[in-house]
Amino acid sequence: SKQEYDQLDKHDKATIVRQKLYDTANSTNGKAAMSYKDVIAVFDGNPSAGHAYDIMELAGERDGYNYGAGRSGSKRLTVDAETVKQQGGLSRREK
């Protein structure tokens, strides 16, 4: 809900996005990507495009995750689930 969303800080949102992307990767070939539109959809349309990019950038700072331009030139967040597993998996929340 919007109220729940408003209680999340940027680190919380980045953690949620990483978890979602990791789950997607594990259910496919171990890799997955998200665009800013996907991030907005995770939070039911709440973040602005600019804030979605901020969340993606923060999420991309963790090992196994990467934020940058894809082949199409648009920015995206990607994950390699194997690398995340080697780093000890997903911790609940890190600052």
Protein backbone atom coordinates (compact mmCIF):
# COMPACT_ATOMS: atom_id res chain seq x y z
CA SER A 1 0.00 0.00 0.00
CA LYS A 2 1.02 3.63 -0.35
CA GLN A 3 1.25 3.95 3.43
CA GLU A 4 3.57 0.94 3.67
CA TYR A 5 5.63 2.25 0.77
CA ASP A 6 6.04 5.63 2.49
CA GLN A 7 7.56 3.89 5.53
CA LEU A 8 10.35 2.31 3.47
CA ASP A 9 13.66 4.10 3.06
CA LYS A 10 15.84 3.78 -0.03
CA HIS A 11 17.86 0.90 1.49
CA ASP A 12 14.65 -1.03 2.22
CA LYS A 13 13.48 -0.51 -1.35
CA ALA A 14 16.86 -1.60 -2.76
CA THR A 15 16.72 -4.77 -0.63
CA ILE A 16 13.20 -5.57 -1.88
CA VAL A 17 14.26 -5.01 -5.51
CA ARG A 18 17.37 -7.20 -5.08
CA GLN A 19 15.27 -9.99 -3.55
CA LYS A 20 12.72 -9.84 -6.37
CA LEU A 21 15.45 -9.87 -9.04
CA TYR A 22 17.30 -12.72 -7.29
CA ASP A 23 14.10 -14.79 -7.10
CA THR A 24 13.47 -14.19 -10.81
CA ALA A 25 17.04 -15.24 -11.65
CA ASN A 26 16.73 -18.41 -9.60
CA SER A 27 13.55 -19.41 -11.42
CA THR A 28 15.20 -18.99 -14.83
CA ASN A 29 18.81 -19.41 -15.99
CA GLY A 30 20.44 -17.70 -13.00
CA LYS A 31 20.43 -14.24 -14.55
CA ALA A 32 17.75 -11.57 -14.64
CA ALA A 33 17.34 -7.87 -15.41
CA MET A 34 14.97 -5.09 -14.42
CA SER A 35 14.20 -1.75 -16.01
CA TYR A 36 13.01 1.29 -14.09
CA LYS A 37 9.46 0.38 -15.17
CA ASP A 38 9.85 -3.02 -13.49
CA VAL A 39 11.02 -1.30 -10.29
CA ILE A 40 8.01 1.03 -10.35
CA ALA A 41 5.75 -2.03 -10.82
CA VAL A 42 7.31 -3.76 -7.77
CA PHE A 43 6.03 -0.87 -5.66
CA ASP A 44 2.62 -0.58 -7.36
CA GLY A 45 3.55 2.53 -9.29
CA ASN A 46 4.77 4.53 -6.31
CA PRO A 47 8.32 5.69 -7.08
CA SER A 48 8.91 8.31 -9.75
CA ALA A 49 11.17 7.30 -12.65
CA GLY A 50 14.01 9.29 -11.10
CA HIS A 51 13.62 7.60 -7.73
CA ALA A 52 13.39 4.18 -9.41
CA TYR A 53 16.80 4.83 -11.00
CA ASP A 54 18.20 5.82 -7.56
CA ILE A 55 16.90 2.54 -6.09
CA MET A 56 18.43 0.57 -8.97
CA GLU A 57 21.77 2.32 -8.55
CA LEU A 58 21.86 1.52 -4.83
CA ALA A 59 20.78 -2.09 -5.44
CA GLY A 60 23.52 -2.45 -8.04
CA GLU A 61 26.27 -1.72 -5.50
CA ARG A 62 26.05 -5.22 -4.00
CA ASP A 63 28.21 -8.10 -5.31
CA GLY A 64 26.46 -10.04 -8.05
CA TYR A 65 24.29 -7.06 -9.01
CA ASN A 66 25.08 -4.51 -11.66
CA TYR A 67 23.48 -1.23 -12.64
CA GLY A 68 24.27 0.15 -16.07
CA ALA A 69 23.27 0.47 -19.68
CA GLY A 70 22.16 -2.68 -21.43
CA ARG A 71 22.57 -3.46 -25.12
CA SER A 72 19.61 -1.24 -25.90
CA GLY A 73 21.33 1.66 -24.16
CA SER A 74 18.70 1.96 -21.46
CA LYS A 75 19.75 1.63 -17.83
CA ARG A 76 18.92 -1.60 -16.07
CA LEU A 77 19.71 -3.58 -12.97
CA THR A 78 21.01 -7.09 -13.54
CA VAL A 79 21.89 -10.01 -11.27
CA ASP A 80 24.01 -13.13 -11.49
CA ALA A 81 22.46 -15.42 -8.85
CA GLU A 82 25.55 -17.66 -8.70
CA THR A 83 27.74 -14.72 -7.64
CA VAL A 84 25.20 -13.71 -5.00
CA LYS A 85 25.21 -17.29 -3.64
CA GLN A 86 29.01 -17.30 -3.49
CA GLN A 87 28.88 -14.09 -1.46
CA GLY A 88 26.69 -15.80 1.13
CA GLY A 89 23.30 -15.16 -0.44
CA LEU A 90 21.00 -12.33 0.47
CA SER A 91 21.38 -10.76 3.85
CA ARG A 92 18.22 -9.18 5.15
CA ARG A 93 19.36 -5.59 5.08
CA GLU A 94 22.66 -3.79 4.92
CA LYS A 95 23.37 -0.10 5.07
